[in-house]
């Protein structure tokens, strides 16, 4: 399989892709027109941060399965267009965590020791500077508002320096994300008690720290904003620094976009945003994305795919079942003989303990096959299902004694209620059909199959085999499920060739069947 790599990517990214047996075509520079011209035929696209990938490029990429951005964000990718086309988008949101934590800690040390004023004095720009304006780090309190991937690392390093840490639990579960034992209090308490306040929230339309909020900080406190200047009112911050209500501050700003009040504010250190990263972070992101892209092309899905909401911690465990789920969905629709608008999925055994949304998307991908202008898979199945008015419900049964894991898909159809069940066998998770219409069978899914229903009686199997022989259609495997003699039975056969609708009608008429359906998988 082929990967197109575009932009200034770390050499380790290319090397990692090639280690996985992928063929890599590298282009240092390529605009949108270049990408449209050369993307077709590649199964994956890996780009450096800032390289745009729009809908037109994705339209031209008929074989594309994955797009990877070797950075912490994917702002240049049309994620909606990729999702609609069933293309997985991956990035490396946590690759810069160490760099971000160290960046924030460096700013904390800088404002506590008042390094900015000392630097200005030595350059002759701070005539009123006096030695001894800074404070020791040990024994001071660090207040943390907002949680990022780097937060727990920042807390760990701050504690190692003897700092007390206070954290604002802005969202449920964020306490654990910042190191467990931190004292989680309200934002107001953090601002009132912290010697140095680190604000890690995202920028908003209205500044979180405005003129009415800044007075709530502890008198003489220090302020660190390592990611987005928009969270603080620039004019109010400059005035607070001038008045001495805030002893020192460090604020991240984008180059060329520095708010005017901050340019002349005293004791203020301006810095680039934390997510600008380091060489190490860039290298880590590139390798991470290469691994994720290779995994997607090999039928795996690592945690964190940007446009697959169900790709959580269980994703890599569940991906081996995706082939089975898709086959069950496709089989169900063909047995129903009409489009299915509502499907019921029962997860039994060990799979019932996982987050099964990913498997449900796989079933929907099979159910919707052929009903959309774009190929449907676990990436876009939920979107396409919503547009077509198709629903899926999940039921979990942890106690299935016959199989360690069992997936059952059911719906109504022209022949009445339809249901198919499958499991997987061995370390390679080979799909196996084990129930059809509630009757036990044992057959490996095959490209050409037929499912027959009839009242169980001697000679039915012989009639079916004889008629197929007349048509020179060879039976590869046959499995019969039945209750007792005289009840309805189910026969599933895998064939070397496909049956036509006319042939299935003739099977019903000449063999005394109640139902016959050819299935193509």
Protein backbone atom coordinates (compact mmCIF):
# COMPACT_ATOMS: atom_id res chain seq x y z
CA UNK A 1 0.00 0.00 0.00
CA UNK A 2 1.09 3.51 -0.81
CA UNK A 3 1.39 6.62 1.35
CA UNK A 4 1.81 10.18 0.09
CA UNK A 5 3.84 12.25 2.58
CA UNK A 6 3.70 16.03 2.14
CA UNK A 7 5.55 18.84 3.91
CA UNK A 8 8.50 19.09 6.25
CA UNK A 9 8.06 15.82 8.12
CA UNK A 10 10.59 14.37 10.53
CA UNK A 11 12.70 11.65 8.85
CA UNK A 12 11.52 9.26 11.56
CA UNK A 13 7.99 9.52 10.15
CA UNK A 14 9.01 8.26 6.72
CA UNK A 15 11.21 5.57 8.24
CA UNK A 16 8.39 4.32 10.48
CA UNK A 17 5.99 4.04 7.55
CA UNK A 18 8.54 2.12 5.49
CA UNK A 19 9.24 -0.20 8.43
CA UNK A 20 5.59 -1.25 8.20
CA UNK A 21 6.07 -2.26 4.59
CA UNK A 22 4.37 0.79 3.12
CA UNK A 23 5.57 2.50 -0.05
CA UNK A 24 6.12 6.21 0.61
CA UNK A 25 6.13 8.99 -1.96
CA UNK A 26 7.53 12.11 -0.28
CA UNK A 27 6.92 15.65 -1.51
CA UNK A 28 8.45 18.58 0.35
CA UNK A 29 5.97 21.10 -1.04
CA UNK A 30 2.57 20.65 -2.67
CA UNK A 31 -0.32 23.07 -3.03
CA UNK A 32 -3.96 22.03 -3.35
CA UNK A 33 -3.72 21.61 -7.12
CA UNK A 34 -0.63 19.43 -6.78
CA UNK A 35 -2.35 17.26 -4.17
CA UNK A 36 -5.43 16.81 -6.36
CA UNK A 37 -3.21 15.72 -9.23
CA UNK A 38 -1.11 13.19 -7.33
CA UNK A 39 -3.30 11.84 -4.50
CA UNK A 40 -5.26 9.27 -6.48
CA UNK A 41 -3.92 5.75 -6.03
CA UNK A 42 -2.59 6.36 -2.54
CA UNK A 43 -4.26 4.63 0.41
CA UNK A 44 -3.00 7.16 2.96
CA UNK A 45 -1.92 10.78 3.16
CA UNK A 46 0.43 12.11 5.85
CA UNK A 47 0.97 15.87 6.04
CA UNK A 48 2.98 18.24 8.17
CA UNK A 49 1.07 20.72 10.36
CA UNK A 50 -0.38 23.57 8.32
CA UNK A 51 -0.68 21.66 5.03
CA UNK A 52 -4.32 22.10 3.91
CA UNK A 53 -6.34 19.11 2.76
CA UNK A 54 -9.70 20.24 1.44
CA UNK A 55 -12.76 18.50 0.06
CA UNK A 56 -11.51 18.73 -3.52
CA UNK A 57 -8.37 16.79 -2.62
CA UNK A 58 -10.41 14.17 -0.81
CA UNK A 59 -12.77 13.87 -3.79
CA UNK A 60 -9.79 13.07 -5.99
CA UNK A 61 -8.50 10.41 -3.58
CA UNK A 62 -10.60 7.42 -4.57
CA UNK A 63 -8.44 4.87 -2.71
CA UNK A 64 -7.76 6.96 0.40
CA UNK A 65 -8.42 5.28 3.76
CA UNK A 66 -6.54 7.51 6.20
CA UNK A 67 -5.23 11.06 6.57
CA UNK A 68 -2.64 11.76 9.25
CA UNK A 69 -1.44 15.15 10.51
CA UNK A 70 1.97 15.01 12.17
CA UNK A 71 1.00 17.48 14.87
CA UNK A 72 -1.24 18.10 17.86
CA UNK A 73 -4.08 19.59 15.78
CA UNK A 74 -5.77 19.02 12.44
CA UNK A 75 -6.94 22.53 11.60
CA UNK A 76 -6.00 22.29 7.92
CA UNK A 77 -8.01 19.13 7.27
CA UNK A 78 -11.64 19.19 6.12
CA UNK A 79 -12.65 16.60 8.72
CA UNK A 80 -16.33 16.71 7.78
CA UNK A 81 -15.54 15.89 4.15
CA UNK A 82 -13.20 13.10 5.22
CA UNK A 83 -15.85 11.63 7.52
CA UNK A 84 -18.50 11.67 4.81
CA UNK A 85 -16.13 9.71 2.56
CA UNK A 86 -15.30 7.18 5.29
CA UNK A 87 -11.69 8.35 5.64
CA UNK A 88 -10.09 8.09 9.09
CA UNK A 89 -8.34 11.27 10.29
CA UNK A 90 -5.61 10.86 12.89
CA UNK A 91 -3.27 13.24 14.65
CA UNK A 92 -1.11 13.25 17.77
CA UNK A 93 -2.86 15.45 20.36
CA UNK A 94 -0.72 14.24 23.28
CA UNK A 95 2.65 14.28 21.52
CA UNK A 96 3.47 17.74 22.85
CA UNK A 97 2.46 17.03 26.46
CA UNK A 98 6.02 16.95 27.82
CA UNK A 99 7.00 20.09 25.88
CA UNK A 100 3.86 21.90 27.04
CA UNK A 101 4.45 20.97 30.69
CA UNK A 102 8.07 22.09 30.56
CA UNK A 103 7.09 25.31 28.79
CA UNK A 104 4.51 26.13 31.47
CA UNK A 105 6.97 25.28 34.25
CA UNK A 106 9.64 27.49 32.67
CA UNK A 107 7.18 30.39 32.67
CA UNK A 108 6.23 29.69 36.29
CA UNK A 109 9.90 29.87 37.29
CA UNK A 110 10.39 33.02 35.19
CA UNK A 111 7.56 34.96 36.83
CA UNK A 112 8.39 33.78 40.36
CA UNK A 113 12.03 34.88 39.97
CA UNK A 114 10.99 37.97 37.97
CA UNK A 115 13.47 37.21 35.18
CA UNK A 116 11.80 39.60 32.72
CA UNK A 117 12.44 42.68 34.88
CA UNK A 118 16.03 41.66 35.50
CA UNK A 119 16.61 41.25 31.77
CA UNK A 120 15.07 44.67 31.07
CA UNK A 121 17.24 46.31 33.76
CA UNK A 122 20.43 44.91 32.28
CA UNK A 123 19.37 46.27 28.92
CA UNK A 124 18.73 49.67 30.47
CA UNK A 125 14.95 49.52 30.02
CA UNK A 126 13.93 49.29 33.69
CA UNK A 127 15.50 52.08 35.71
CA UNK A 128 13.45 51.34 38.82
CA UNK A 129 14.49 47.69 39.09
CA UNK A 130 15.93 46.55 42.42
CA UNK A 131 17.58 43.21 43.25
CA UNK A 132 15.56 40.71 45.26
CA UNK A 133 12.18 41.23 43.57
CA UNK A 134 11.65 37.54 42.90
CA UNK A 135 10.54 34.84 45.34
CA UNK A 136 11.66 31.28 45.92
CA UNK A 137 9.73 28.52 44.22
CA UNK A 138 9.74 26.15 47.16
CA UNK A 139 6.73 26.65 49.42
CA UNK A 140 4.67 28.68 46.95
CA UNK A 141 1.27 27.56 45.73
CA UNK A 142 0.52 26.80 42.09
CA UNK A 143 -3.07 27.29 40.96
CA UNK A 144 -4.21 25.44 37.87
CA UNK A 145 -7.38 26.35 35.98
CA UNK A 146 -8.23 24.18 33.01
CA UNK A 147 -6.85 20.77 32.12
CA UNK A 148 -4.73 19.76 29.14
CA UNK A 149 -2.86 16.57 28.31
CA UNK A 150 0.20 18.14 29.91
CA UNK A 151 -1.48 19.04 33.21
CA UNK A 152 -0.51 15.93 35.16
CA UNK A 153 3.12 16.36 34.05
CA UNK A 154 3.12 20.00 35.16
CA UNK A 155 1.71 19.01 38.55
CA UNK A 156 4.35 16.30 38.95
CA UNK A 157 7.19 18.71 38.20
CA UNK A 158 5.78 21.48 40.38
CA UNK A 159 5.53 19.17 43.35
CA UNK A 160 9.09 18.01 42.80
CA UNK A 161 10.12 21.66 43.32
CA UNK A 162 8.22 21.82 46.61
CA UNK A 163 5.15 23.66 45.36
CA UNK A 164 1.63 23.14 46.68
CA UNK A 165 -0.87 22.56 43.87
CA UNK A 166 -4.47 23.72 43.72
CA UNK A 167 -6.58 22.71 40.72
CA UNK A 168 -9.94 23.81 39.44
CA UNK A 169 -11.99 20.83 38.32
CA UNK A 170 -13.61 22.57 35.36
CA UNK A 171 -15.17 19.35 34.08
CA UNK A 172 -16.15 16.02 35.60
CA UNK A 173 -13.18 13.68 35.71
CA UNK A 174 -10.52 16.36 35.38
CA UNK A 175 -9.31 15.80 38.95
CA UNK A 176 -7.86 12.44 37.98
CA UNK A 177 -6.33 13.99 34.86
CA UNK A 178 -4.15 16.34 36.89
CA UNK A 179 -2.62 13.82 39.21
CA UNK A 180 -5.29 12.51 41.54
CA UNK A 181 -4.29 13.92 44.93
CA UNK A 182 -4.38 17.61 44.04
CA UNK A 183 -6.73 19.81 46.02
CA UNK A 184 -9.62 20.51 43.64
CA UNK A 185 -11.46 23.70 44.51
CA UNK A 186 -13.55 26.34 42.76
CA UNK A 187 -12.02 28.82 40.26
CA UNK A 188 -12.61 31.63 42.75
CA UNK A 189 -10.72 29.74 45.47
CA UNK A 190 -7.85 28.96 43.13
CA UNK A 191 -7.47 32.62 42.15
CA UNK A 192 -7.72 33.82 45.76
CA UNK A 193 -5.14 31.35 47.14
CA UNK A 194 -2.56 30.76 44.38
CA UNK A 195 0.80 32.51 44.45
CA UNK A 196 1.14 31.79 40.76
CA UNK A 197 -1.91 31.07 38.61
CA UNK A 198 -1.57 28.97 35.43
CA UNK A 199 -4.54 29.36 33.09
CA UNK A 200 -4.80 26.52 30.55
CA UNK A 201 -8.33 27.00 29.27
CA UNK A 202 -9.01 27.58 25.59
CA UNK A 203 -9.60 31.06 24.27
CA UNK A 204 -13.21 32.24 24.19
CA UNK A 205 -15.18 35.15 22.74
CA UNK A 206 -15.21 36.83 26.15
CA UNK A 207 -11.98 36.82 28.24
CA UNK A 208 -12.14 34.57 31.30
CA UNK A 209 -10.00 37.06 33.23
CA UNK A 210 -11.52 40.47 32.70
CA UNK A 211 -11.30 43.75 34.59
CA UNK A 212 -13.86 42.55 37.13
CA UNK A 213 -12.13 39.21 37.73
CA UNK A 214 -8.45 40.15 37.98
CA UNK A 215 -8.94 41.86 41.38
CA UNK A 216 -9.98 38.46 42.71
CA UNK A 217 -6.40 37.20 42.37
CA UNK A 218 -4.31 37.08 45.49
CA UNK A 219 -2.51 40.43 45.93
CA UNK A 220 0.99 40.19 44.43
CA UNK A 221 0.14 36.96 42.60
CA UNK A 222 1.86 35.92 39.40
CA UNK A 223 -0.04 34.93 36.24
CA UNK A 224 0.98 32.45 33.53
CA UNK A 225 -1.03 31.93 30.34
CA UNK A 226 0.96 29.45 28.23
CA UNK A 227 -1.52 28.77 25.43
CA UNK A 228 -3.99 31.53 24.47
CA UNK A 229 -3.76 35.26 25.13
CA UNK A 230 -7.50 35.64 24.44
CA UNK A 231 -8.43 34.32 27.89
CA UNK A 232 -7.32 37.55 29.57
CA UNK A 233 -8.34 41.16 28.96
CA UNK A 234 -5.08 42.69 27.67
CA UNK A 235 -5.83 46.23 28.85
CA UNK A 236 -6.93 45.06 32.31
CA UNK A 237 -3.82 42.89 32.67
CA UNK A 238 -1.51 45.76 31.64
CA UNK A 239 -3.18 48.04 34.19
CA UNK A 240 -2.95 45.41 36.96
CA UNK A 241 0.79 45.02 36.25
CA UNK A 242 1.28 48.80 36.26
CA UNK A 243 -0.60 49.16 39.56
CA UNK A 244 1.37 46.31 41.10
CA UNK A 245 -1.72 44.24 41.91
CA UNK A 246 -0.10 41.49 39.80
CA UNK A 247 3.61 41.07 40.52
CA UNK A 248 4.54 39.52 37.16
CA UNK A 249 2.99 37.69 34.24
CA UNK A 250 3.90 35.55 31.26
CA UNK A 251 1.48 35.42 28.33
CA UNK A 252 1.64 33.40 25.12
CA UNK A 253 0.82 35.34 21.95
CA UNK A 254 0.92 34.55 18.26
CA UNK A 255 3.80 36.24 16.39
CA UNK A 256 2.56 39.42 14.73
CA UNK A 257 -0.63 39.47 16.81
CA UNK A 258 0.45 41.02 20.11
CA UNK A 259 -2.31 43.13 21.77
CA UNK A 260 -1.07 46.73 21.96
CA UNK A 261 -1.53 47.15 25.75
CA UNK A 262 0.85 44.25 26.39
CA UNK A 263 3.75 45.79 24.46
CA UNK A 264 4.45 48.39 27.15
CA UNK A 265 3.24 46.53 30.23
CA UNK A 266 5.90 46.19 32.99
CA UNK A 267 7.07 42.84 34.38
CA UNK A 268 5.43 41.00 31.48
CA UNK A 269 7.15 38.19 29.59
CA UNK A 270 5.73 37.49 26.13
CA UNK A 271 6.23 34.01 24.72
CA UNK A 272 5.09 31.85 21.83
CA UNK A 273 2.19 29.44 22.54
CA UNK A 274 2.99 26.21 24.33
CA UNK A 275 1.67 24.15 21.44
CA UNK A 276 4.40 25.55 19.19
CA UNK A 277 6.28 22.60 20.63
CA UNK A 278 9.87 21.46 20.38
CA UNK A 279 11.95 19.38 18.01
CA UNK A 280 11.34 16.40 20.28
CA UNK A 281 7.56 16.95 20.26
CA UNK A 282 7.52 17.26 16.47
CA UNK A 283 9.49 14.03 16.14
CA UNK A 284 7.19 12.26 18.62
CA UNK A 285 4.07 13.47 16.77
CA UNK A 286 5.44 12.34 13.41
CA UNK A 287 6.21 8.83 14.64
CA UNK A 288 2.85 8.56 16.43
CA UNK A 289 0.92 9.53 13.31
CA UNK A 290 2.95 7.15 11.16
CA UNK A 291 2.07 4.32 13.55
CA UNK A 292 -1.62 5.24 13.51
CA UNK A 293 -1.79 5.47 9.72
CA UNK A 294 -0.06 2.11 9.35
CA UNK A 295 -2.48 0.61 11.88
CA UNK A 296 -5.54 1.86 9.96
CA UNK A 297 -4.19 0.41 6.71
CA UNK A 298 -3.65 -2.93 8.48
CA UNK A 299 -7.23 -3.04 9.73
CA UNK A 300 -6.55 -1.73 13.21
CA UNK A 301 -7.64 1.47 14.90
CA UNK A 302 -5.57 2.96 17.67
CA UNK A 303 -7.15 5.14 20.34
CA UNK A 304 -7.81 8.72 19.35
CA UNK A 305 -8.94 8.80 15.72
CA UNK A 306 -10.27 12.33 15.32
CA UNK A 307 -13.47 11.51 13.42
CA UNK A 308 -14.37 8.15 14.99
CA UNK A 309 -16.01 9.09 18.31
CA UNK A 310 -16.18 5.46 19.42
CA UNK A 311 -12.43 4.98 18.96
CA UNK A 312 -11.66 4.88 22.67
CA UNK A 313 -9.48 2.63 24.77
CA UNK A 314 -11.28 -0.47 23.40
CA UNK A 315 -10.78 0.36 19.73
CA UNK A 316 -7.79 -1.88 19.08
CA UNK A 317 -9.51 -4.77 20.90
CA UNK A 318 -12.70 -4.43 18.85
CA UNK A 319 -11.30 -3.89 15.35
CA UNK A 320 -10.77 -7.65 14.73
CA UNK A 321 -14.57 -8.05 14.99
CA UNK A 322 -15.33 -5.37 12.39
CA UNK A 323 -15.26 -7.80 9.46
CA UNK A 324 -17.78 -10.05 11.19
CA UNK A 325 -20.04 -7.10 12.04
CA UNK A 326 -20.05 -5.84 8.47
CA UNK A 327 -20.82 -9.33 7.13
CA UNK A 328 -23.70 -9.78 9.59
CA UNK A 329 -25.18 -6.45 8.48
CA UNK A 330 -24.89 -7.28 4.79
CA UNK A 331 -26.25 -10.79 5.35
CA UNK A 332 -29.25 -9.48 7.29
CA UNK A 333 -30.30 -7.06 4.53
CA UNK A 334 -30.05 -9.74 1.85
CA UNK A 335 -32.06 -12.20 3.91
CA UNK A 336 -34.70 -9.52 4.53
CA UNK A 337 -35.06 -8.95 0.80
CA UNK A 338 -35.60 -5.21 1.32
CA UNK A 339 -33.81 -2.23 2.86
CA UNK A 340 -33.65 -2.40 6.65
CA UNK A 341 -34.55 0.78 8.52
CA UNK A 342 -34.20 -0.51 12.09
CA UNK A 343 -31.67 -3.03 13.31
CA UNK A 344 -31.37 -4.62 16.74
CA UNK A 345 -27.91 -5.75 17.84
CA UNK A 346 -27.27 -8.02 20.82
CA UNK A 347 -23.75 -8.32 22.19
CA UNK A 348 -23.11 -11.42 24.25
CA UNK A 349 -20.14 -12.79 26.16
CA UNK A 350 -16.94 -10.79 26.51
CA UNK A 351 -17.83 -8.19 23.86
CA UNK A 352 -20.71 -7.04 26.07
CA UNK A 353 -18.20 -5.46 28.44
CA UNK A 354 -16.69 -3.15 25.81
CA UNK A 355 -17.84 0.17 24.40
CA UNK A 356 -19.61 -1.40 21.42
CA UNK A 357 -20.42 1.77 19.49
CA UNK A 358 -17.60 0.96 17.09
CA UNK A 359 -19.05 -2.50 16.39
CA UNK A 360 -22.50 -1.02 15.88
CA UNK A 361 -20.99 1.33 13.30
CA UNK A 362 -19.52 -1.74 11.60
CA UNK A 363 -22.93 -3.45 11.49
CA UNK A 364 -24.50 -0.28 10.07
CA UNK A 365 -21.77 -0.17 7.44
CA UNK A 366 -22.94 -3.59 6.24
CA UNK A 367 -26.63 -2.74 6.50
CA UNK A 368 -26.17 0.43 4.44
CA UNK A 369 -23.90 -1.07 1.78
CA UNK A 370 -25.11 0.07 -1.63
CA UNK A 371 -27.62 2.59 -0.23
CA UNK A 372 -25.29 5.61 -0.37
CA UNK A 373 -23.33 7.35 -3.10
CA UNK A 374 -20.17 6.95 -1.01
CA UNK A 375 -18.80 3.72 0.45
CA UNK A 376 -20.07 3.24 4.01
CA UNK A 377 -17.81 2.04 6.82
CA UNK A 378 -17.41 2.53 10.57
CA UNK A 379 -16.23 6.12 10.00
CA UNK A 380 -19.32 7.50 8.25
CA UNK A 381 -21.95 4.84 9.06
CA UNK A 382 -23.58 6.87 11.83
CA UNK A 383 -23.79 9.96 9.62
CA UNK A 384 -25.19 8.08 6.62
CA UNK A 385 -27.65 6.15 8.82
CA UNK A 386 -28.96 9.39 10.26
CA UNK A 387 -29.47 10.87 6.80
CA UNK A 388 -31.30 7.75 5.58
CA UNK A 389 -33.43 7.37 8.70
CA UNK A 390 -31.86 4.06 9.73
CA UNK A 391 -31.63 3.34 13.47
CA UNK A 392 -29.70 0.80 15.53
CA UNK A 393 -30.35 -0.33 19.11
CA UNK A 394 -27.97 -2.25 21.35
CA UNK A 395 -28.63 -4.94 23.97
CA UNK A 396 -26.00 -6.59 26.14
CA UNK A 397 -26.08 -10.15 27.46
CA UNK A 398 -23.03 -11.07 29.49
CA UNK A 399 -24.08 -14.68 30.12
CA UNK A 400 -23.91 -16.55 26.81
CA UNK A 401 -22.73 -20.07 27.75
CA UNK A 402 -22.29 -21.48 24.23
CA UNK A 403 -19.84 -18.87 22.95
CA UNK A 404 -17.24 -16.67 24.66
CA UNK A 405 -18.43 -13.83 22.39
CA UNK A 406 -21.54 -13.61 20.26
CA UNK A 407 -23.03 -10.86 18.09
CA UNK A 408 -26.63 -11.15 16.93
CA UNK A 409 -28.21 -8.82 14.39
CA UNK A 410 -31.99 -8.83 13.87
CA UNK A 411 -34.63 -6.93 11.90
CA UNK A 412 -37.93 -7.41 10.14
CA UNK A 413 -38.17 -8.30 6.47
CA UNK A 414 -40.39 -9.54 3.67
CA UNK A 415 -40.08 -13.07 5.03
CA UNK A 416 -40.79 -12.13 8.65
CA UNK A 417 -38.35 -11.55 11.48
CA UNK A 418 -34.73 -12.01 10.43
CA UNK A 419 -31.78 -12.76 12.70
CA UNK A 420 -28.19 -13.84 12.20
CA UNK A 421 -25.52 -14.52 14.83
CA UNK A 422 -21.78 -14.78 14.53
CA UNK A 423 -18.63 -15.21 16.52
CA UNK A 424 -14.90 -15.25 15.82
CA UNK A 425 -12.47 -18.13 16.13
CA UNK A 426 -8.81 -18.31 17.05
CA UNK A 427 -6.12 -15.69 17.43
CA UNK A 428 -6.87 -14.38 13.93
CA UNK A 429 -10.55 -13.84 14.79
CA UNK A 430 -11.90 -15.74 11.80
CA UNK A 431 -15.64 -14.92 11.35
CA UNK A 432 -18.12 -17.75 11.84
CA UNK A 433 -21.89 -17.84 11.38
CA UNK A 434 -23.39 -19.85 14.23
CA UNK A 435 -27.12 -19.05 14.07
CA UNK A 436 -29.49 -18.09 11.28
CA UNK A 437 -33.17 -17.49 12.01
CA UNK A 438 -32.47 -18.77 15.52
CA UNK A 439 -31.26 -22.20 14.33
CA UNK A 440 -27.73 -23.39 15.08
CA UNK A 441 -25.42 -23.61 12.08
CA UNK A 442 -21.64 -23.66 11.65
CA UNK A 443 -20.27 -22.03 8.53
CA UNK A 444 -17.53 -19.60 7.58
CA UNK A 445 -18.92 -16.62 5.61
CA UNK A 446 -18.05 -16.87 1.91
CA UNK A 447 -18.43 -14.64 -1.17
CA UNK A 448 -21.25 -16.81 -2.58
CA UNK A 449 -23.84 -18.32 -0.25
CA UNK A 450 -27.47 -19.43 -0.14
CA UNK A 451 -29.81 -19.63 2.84
CA UNK A 452 -32.79 -21.99 2.65
CA UNK A 453 -35.78 -22.54 4.96
CA UNK A 454 -38.04 -25.57 4.77
CA UNK A 455 -40.07 -28.05 6.80
CA UNK A 456 -37.58 -30.70 7.84
CA UNK A 457 -38.14 -33.97 5.97
CA UNK A 458 -35.97 -36.71 4.41
CA UNK A 459 -34.52 -35.99 0.99
CA UNK A 460 -34.51 -32.19 1.00
CA UNK A 461 -30.72 -31.95 1.07
CA UNK A 462 -30.43 -34.45 -1.78
CA UNK A 463 -32.87 -32.50 -3.94
CA UNK A 464 -30.97 -29.27 -3.35
CA UNK A 465 -27.64 -30.88 -4.17
CA UNK A 466 -28.99 -32.52 -7.30
CA UNK A 467 -30.46 -29.29 -8.64
CA UNK A 468 -27.28 -27.35 -7.96
CA UNK A 469 -25.37 -30.09 -9.74
CA UNK A 470 -27.59 -29.66 -12.80
CA UNK A 471 -26.54 -26.02 -12.87
CA UNK A 472 -22.85 -26.95 -12.37
CA UNK A 473 -22.78 -24.96 -9.12
CA UNK A 474 -20.45 -26.67 -6.67
CA UNK A 475 -21.23 -26.76 -2.94
CA UNK A 476 -18.17 -25.83 -0.85
CA UNK A 477 -19.82 -26.31 2.55
CA UNK A 478 -23.27 -27.15 3.90
CA UNK A 479 -24.65 -26.69 7.42
CA UNK A 480 -28.17 -27.55 8.59
CA UNK A 481 -29.83 -26.23 11.72
CA UNK A 482 -33.05 -27.75 12.97
CA UNK A 483 -35.10 -28.32 16.08
CA UNK A 484 -36.77 -31.71 15.54
CA UNK A 485 -38.08 -33.70 12.58
CA UNK A 486 -41.16 -32.06 11.14
CA UNK A 487 -40.24 -28.55 12.35
CA UNK A 488 -38.78 -25.83 10.19
CA UNK A 489 -35.07 -26.20 9.39
CA UNK A 490 -32.44 -23.83 8.01
CA UNK A 491 -29.76 -24.81 5.51
CA UNK A 492 -26.77 -22.57 4.80
CA UNK A 493 -24.54 -23.48 1.86
CA UNK A 494 -21.40 -21.80 0.57
CA UNK A 495 -20.93 -22.06 -3.18
CA UNK A 496 -18.21 -21.67 -5.77
CA UNK A 497 -20.51 -19.55 -7.97
CA UNK A 498 -23.32 -17.10 -7.41
CA UNK A 499 -26.99 -18.05 -7.79
CA UNK A 500 -29.43 -15.92 -9.78
CA UNK A 501 -32.86 -14.91 -8.44
CA UNK A 502 -34.41 -17.24 -11.02
CA UNK A 503 -32.40 -20.15 -9.65
CA UNK A 504 -33.43 -19.45 -6.06
CA UNK A 505 -37.09 -19.33 -7.18
CA UNK A 506 -36.62 -22.69 -8.89
CA UNK A 507 -35.04 -24.14 -5.73
CA UNK A 508 -38.18 -23.19 -3.81
CA UNK A 509 -40.50 -24.68 -6.44
CA UNK A 510 -38.67 -27.94 -7.19
CA UNK A 511 -37.29 -28.76 -3.73
CA UNK A 512 -40.36 -27.91 -1.66
CA UNK A 513 -38.74 -25.05 0.21
CA UNK A 514 -40.50 -22.21 2.02
CA UNK A 515 -37.72 -19.70 1.37
CA UNK A 516 -34.46 -19.40 -0.55
CA UNK A 517 -32.15 -16.41 -0.76
CA UNK A 518 -28.82 -16.01 -2.54
CA UNK A 519 -26.26 -14.00 -0.54
CA UNK A 520 -23.18 -12.21 -1.83
CA UNK A 521 -20.53 -11.19 0.70
